Amino acid sequence: MIASIATFATVWVWVMILASHVAMKREIKRKGLPASEFASPWWPAASVVTIAFMALVIVILGVFEDTRVALYVGAVWLGLLVLAYKLWVRGGGRLRADLVDETASIPMVAERP
């Protein structure tokens, strides 16, 4: 049971990371910002396949009776997070952050003659 709950938590964290990455890439494209210096291999296919895999893991957790409890515990936890957000996050905390490129330029090393 503990392992299935930990699996749900891990999958949830990775889904949030992937969703944030997809949102960032879409905003970069929408605003016409320069592409990241750190390219994402096989974008966007890799992100789509990975999110689908994470969804499959959640489905598999629900298929087996022994691991299904993780979905119940996870749903309660996510419900508590939504409730806490609605109760305690106010003002600017609810606004979407601006995407600002703070990447420093990489100095180029001159070749020796």
Protein backbone atom coordinates (compact mmCIF):
# COMPACT_ATOMS: atom_id res chain seq x y z
CA MET A 1 0.00 0.00 0.00
CA ILE A 2 2.76 2.47 0.90
CA ALA A 3 4.57 1.71 -2.35
CA SER A 4 1.44 2.40 -4.40
CA ILE A 5 0.87 5.73 -2.63
CA ALA A 6 4.50 6.66 -3.26
CA THR A 7 4.04 5.67 -6.90
CA PHE A 8 1.00 7.95 -7.21
CA ALA A 9 2.93 10.83 -5.62
CA THR A 10 5.90 10.32 -7.92
CA VAL A 11 3.72 10.10 -11.02
CA TRP A 12 1.83 13.25 -9.96
CA VAL A 13 5.07 15.19 -9.52
CA TRP A 14 6.29 14.13 -12.98
CA VAL A 15 2.96 14.98 -14.60
CA MET A 16 3.20 18.48 -13.08
CA ILE A 17 6.79 18.86 -14.34
CA LEU A 18 5.73 17.75 -17.83
CA ALA A 19 2.66 20.00 -17.82
CA SER A 20 4.83 22.97 -16.78
CA HIS A 21 7.30 22.19 -19.54
CA VAL A 22 4.56 21.97 -22.17
CA ALA A 23 3.04 25.25 -20.93
CA MET A 24 6.46 26.95 -21.06
CA LYS A 25 7.15 25.74 -24.60
CA ARG A 26 3.71 26.92 -25.76
CA GLU A 27 4.22 30.36 -24.21
CA ILE A 28 7.66 30.69 -25.80
CA LYS A 29 6.12 29.92 -29.19
CA ARG A 30 3.06 32.16 -28.63
CA LYS A 31 5.17 35.15 -27.58
CA GLY A 32 7.83 34.57 -30.22
CA LEU A 33 10.59 34.35 -27.62
CA PRO A 34 13.97 32.88 -28.53
CA ALA A 35 14.24 29.13 -28.17
CA SER A 36 15.94 27.72 -25.10
CA GLU A 37 19.65 27.01 -25.29
CA PHE A 38 18.84 23.61 -23.83
CA ALA A 39 16.90 21.81 -26.53
CA SER A 40 14.35 19.11 -25.68
CA PRO A 41 15.01 15.95 -27.67
CA TRP A 42 12.04 14.85 -29.77
CA TRP A 43 9.83 17.75 -28.63
CA PRO A 44 6.78 17.52 -28.48
CA ALA A 45 6.47 13.78 -29.11
CA ALA A 46 8.58 12.82 -26.08
CA SER A 47 6.41 14.87 -23.72
CA VAL A 48 3.17 13.46 -25.16
CA VAL A 49 4.43 9.87 -24.93
CA THR A 50 5.66 10.42 -21.39
CA ILE A 51 2.37 11.95 -20.22
CA ALA A 52 0.54 8.99 -21.82
CA PHE A 53 2.84 6.59 -19.97
CA MET A 54 2.14 8.37 -16.67
CA ALA A 55 -1.60 8.08 -17.36
CA LEU A 56 -1.12 4.36 -18.01
CA VAL A 57 0.61 3.98 -14.63
CA ILE A 58 -2.38 5.68 -12.93
CA VAL A 59 -4.77 3.35 -14.78
CA ILE A 60 -2.74 0.32 -13.71
CA LEU A 61 -2.87 1.52 -10.09
CA GLY A 62 -6.66 1.52 -10.39
CA VAL A 63 -6.88 -1.92 -11.99
CA PHE A 64 -5.47 -3.86 -9.04
CA GLU A 65 -7.40 -3.88 -5.79
CA ASP A 66 -4.24 -3.80 -3.67
CA THR A 67 -3.00 -0.57 -5.26
CA ARG A 68 -6.35 1.15 -5.81
CA VAL A 69 -6.13 2.74 -2.36
CA ALA A 70 -3.38 5.00 -3.75
CA LEU A 71 -5.95 6.63 -6.05
CA TYR A 72 -8.29 7.30 -3.14
CA VAL A 73 -5.53 8.70 -0.95
CA GLY A 74 -4.19 10.71 -3.89
CA ALA A 75 -7.63 12.15 -4.68
CA VAL A 76 -8.10 13.21 -1.05
CA TRP A 77 -4.62 14.77 -1.00
CA LEU A 78 -5.24 16.69 -4.23
CA GLY A 79 -8.61 17.83 -2.87
CA LEU A 80 -6.88 19.14 0.27
CA LEU A 81 -4.33 20.97 -1.88
CA VAL A 82 -7.11 22.64 -3.91
CA LEU A 83 -8.92 23.61 -0.70
CA ALA A 84 -5.74 25.06 0.82
CA TYR A 85 -5.06 27.01 -2.38
CA LYS A 86 -8.56 28.49 -2.39
CA LEU A 87 -8.40 29.34 1.32
CA TRP A 88 -4.90 30.78 1.65
CA VAL A 89 -3.54 31.93 -1.72
CA ARG A 90 -4.60 35.52 -2.37
CA GLY A 91 -3.76 38.46 -4.60
CA GLY A 92 -0.70 38.16 -6.79
CA GLY A 93 -0.24 34.51 -5.81
CA ARG A 94 -3.07 33.61 -8.16
CA LEU A 95 -1.61 35.46 -11.15
CA ARG A 96 0.36 33.59 -13.78
CA ALA A 97 4.06 34.38 -13.60
CA ASP A 98 5.71 36.15 -16.53
CA LEU A 99 8.18 34.06 -18.48
CA VAL A 100 11.51 35.90 -18.34
CA ASP A 101 14.70 34.63 -19.95
CA GLU A 102 17.42 34.93 -17.31
CA THR A 103 19.92 32.74 -19.10
CA ALA A 104 23.36 34.31 -19.18
CA SER A 105 25.21 34.16 -22.44
CA ILE A 106 27.91 31.53 -22.62
CA PRO A 107 31.35 33.04 -23.24
CA MET A 108 33.11 31.66 -26.28
CA VAL A 109 36.70 30.55 -25.98
CA ALA A 110 38.92 31.72 -28.83
CA GLU A 111 40.87 29.03 -30.64
CA ARG A 112 44.65 29.11 -30.39
CA PRO A 113 46.57 29.74 -33.62
